[in-house]
Protein backbone atom coordinates (compact mmCIF):
# COMPACT_ATOMS: atom_id res chain seq x y z
CA MET A 1 0.04 -0.23 0.19
CA ASP A 2 1.11 3.70 -0.75
CA LYS A 3 2.29 5.28 2.15
CA LYS A 4 -0.28 8.02 1.74
CA VAL A 5 -4.08 7.72 3.27
CA ALA A 6 -7.01 9.73 3.45
CA LEU A 7 -8.62 9.03 6.62
CA ILE A 8 -12.41 9.65 7.03
CA GLY A 9 -13.88 9.90 10.60
CA ALA A 10 -10.00 10.06 11.96
CA SER A 11 -11.37 11.52 15.17
CA GLY A 12 -13.99 9.11 16.40
CA PHE A 13 -13.53 5.74 18.83
CA VAL A 14 -12.28 3.47 15.75
CA GLY A 15 -10.78 6.13 13.48
CA SER A 16 -8.57 7.41 15.91
CA ALA A 17 -7.10 4.10 16.91
CA ILE A 18 -6.30 3.78 13.05
CA LEU A 19 -4.92 7.01 12.81
CA ASN A 20 -2.34 6.33 15.33
CA GLU A 21 -1.56 3.06 13.75
CA LEU A 22 -1.07 4.51 10.70
CA LEU A 23 1.16 7.10 12.03
CA ASN A 24 3.05 4.65 14.20
CA ARG A 25 3.90 2.52 10.87
CA GLY A 26 5.15 5.89 9.33
CA TYR A 27 1.84 6.77 6.93
CA GLN A 28 1.39 10.16 5.29
CA VAL A 29 -2.10 10.47 6.92
CA GLU A 30 -4.45 13.70 6.03
CA ALA A 31 -7.56 13.28 8.80
CA LEU A 32 -10.96 14.32 7.04
CA VAL A 33 -13.18 14.91 9.66
CA ASN A 34 -16.23 17.24 10.76
CA HIS A 35 -14.70 18.49 13.75
CA PRO A 36 -10.64 18.90 13.54
CA ASP A 37 -10.59 20.32 16.76
CA LYS A 38 -11.18 16.70 18.12
CA ILE A 39 -7.71 15.73 16.80
CA LYS A 40 -5.30 16.31 19.70
CA ILE A 41 -2.63 14.88 18.29
CA THR A 42 0.48 16.63 16.12
CA ASN A 43 2.85 14.65 13.70
CA PRO A 44 4.70 15.93 10.94
CA ASN A 45 3.16 13.26 8.79
CA LEU A 46 -0.66 14.72 9.80
CA THR A 47 -2.55 16.91 8.03
CA VAL A 48 -6.55 17.60 9.34
CA LYS A 49 -8.95 18.61 7.31
CA LYS A 50 -12.32 19.61 8.08
CA VAL A 51 -14.94 18.01 5.57
CA ASP A 52 -18.61 17.10 5.32
CA VAL A 53 -19.13 13.69 4.18
CA SER A 54 -22.95 14.83 3.12
CA ASN A 55 -21.22 17.45 0.23
CA GLU A 56 -20.33 14.53 -2.28
CA LYS A 57 -18.89 16.79 -4.74
CA SER A 58 -16.57 18.23 -2.05
CA LEU A 59 -15.49 15.05 -0.67
CA GLU A 60 -14.78 14.05 -4.22
CA ASN A 61 -12.26 16.72 -4.27
CA ASP A 62 -10.99 16.28 -0.98
CA LEU A 63 -10.63 12.47 -2.05
CA LYS A 64 -8.65 13.45 -5.24
CA GLY A 65 -4.82 12.26 -5.79
CA PHE A 66 -5.81 9.60 -3.07
CA ASP A 67 -4.76 5.92 -4.11
CA ASN A 68 -5.96 4.65 -0.52
CA VAL A 69 -8.44 5.86 1.39
CA ILE A 70 -10.03 4.52 4.82
CA SER A 71 -13.44 5.53 6.33
CA ALA A 72 -14.20 4.66 9.85
CA TYR A 73 -17.40 7.22 9.63
CA ASN A 74 -19.99 7.33 11.90
CA PRO A 75 -22.64 10.09 12.72
CA GLY A 76 -21.97 9.49 16.30
CA TRP A 77 -23.22 7.14 18.35
CA ALA A 78 -25.49 9.54 20.17
CA ASN A 79 -26.78 10.89 17.25
CA PRO A 80 -30.55 10.29 16.90
CA ASN A 81 -30.54 10.22 13.11
CA ILE A 82 -27.69 7.85 12.90
CA TYR A 83 -29.26 5.56 10.82
CA GLU A 84 -30.89 8.03 8.43
CA GLU A 85 -27.42 9.44 8.23
CA THR A 86 -25.32 6.46 7.93
CA LEU A 87 -27.79 5.18 5.00
CA THR A 88 -27.56 8.57 3.37
CA ASN A 89 -23.98 9.47 3.64
CA TYR A 90 -22.36 6.10 3.00
CA PRO A 91 -23.71 5.81 -0.43
CA LYS A 92 -21.99 9.64 -0.97
CA ILE A 93 -18.65 8.31 0.56
CA LEU A 94 -18.41 5.12 -1.98
CA GLU A 95 -19.72 7.43 -4.90
CA ALA A 96 -17.17 10.52 -3.89
CA ALA A 97 -14.30 7.72 -3.89
CA LYS A 98 -15.11 6.63 -7.30
CA LYS A 99 -15.61 9.66 -8.95
CA ALA A 100 -12.01 10.91 -7.23
CA GLY A 101 -10.38 7.74 -8.80
CA VAL A 102 -9.58 6.11 -5.58
CA LYS A 103 -8.27 2.67 -6.15
CA ARG A 104 -8.74 1.04 -2.64
CA LEU A 105 -11.51 1.87 -0.19
CA LEU A 106 -11.59 0.61 2.76
CA ILE A 107 -14.58 0.58 5.06
CA VAL A 108 -14.50 -0.08 8.68
CA GLY A 109 -17.10 -0.71 11.44
CA GLY A 110 -20.10 -3.00 11.13
CA ALA A 111 -19.09 -5.51 13.63
CA GLY A 112 -22.23 -6.09 14.65
CA THR A 113 -23.41 -7.40 11.43
CA LEU A 114 -20.72 -10.40 11.24
CA PHE A 115 -22.46 -13.68 11.24
CA VAL A 116 -21.75 -15.55 14.84
CA LYS A 117 -23.42 -18.65 13.76
CA PRO A 118 -24.76 -19.91 10.07
CA GLY A 119 -27.64 -17.66 9.56
CA VAL A 120 -27.52 -15.77 12.54
CA ARG A 121 -25.70 -12.00 12.86
CA LEU A 122 -24.36 -10.37 15.88
CA VAL A 123 -27.07 -7.96 15.47
CA ASP A 124 -29.81 -10.51 15.86
CA THR A 125 -28.88 -12.16 18.96
CA GLY A 126 -30.32 -9.73 21.25
CA THR A 127 -27.06 -9.08 23.14
CA LEU A 128 -26.15 -5.47 21.61
CA PRO A 129 -27.52 -2.48 23.64
CA ALA A 130 -30.44 -0.99 21.81
CA GLU A 131 -28.92 2.18 21.31
CA TRP A 132 -26.36 0.59 19.46
CA LEU A 133 -28.98 -0.96 17.02
CA PRO A 134 -29.59 1.64 14.51
CA GLY A 135 -26.24 2.71 13.64
CA VAL A 136 -25.42 -1.42 13.38
CA LYS A 137 -28.51 -1.88 11.31
CA SER A 138 -27.76 0.95 8.92
CA LEU A 139 -24.29 -0.31 8.26
CA GLY A 140 -25.76 -3.89 7.48
CA GLU A 141 -27.97 -2.33 5.14
CA PHE A 142 -25.38 -0.30 3.35
CA TYR A 143 -22.94 -3.09 3.33
CA LEU A 144 -25.60 -5.74 2.47
């Protein structure tokens, strides 16, 4: 993989872990986030840029020149519109990446949609907290 990566959602729980790992491995990272003030680390290989993933054309411009993009986008677990925003914005991220000529888009998240036994996904087991279900179900719908 090329050592230059755009990381969507770098300020979130999963995104920040990915950001740290990429920087520790010497990658040049452009963190594309809604709230740049949430990125508290400084690193010569890090650039932070405010983006709005709901604006497909703008995101397309932000992704131009990147062969590799990782998305850890999540509208926020406490967001009452997480289900709708996930299903609205992930297709925009995908289309923006295609139009920008991105060769590799890795989407991280959705572990709740994994199968835990044949025909049964984690989301269907009744073991996930109810407040997580809108976010988990929306990613499952997008993936499937």
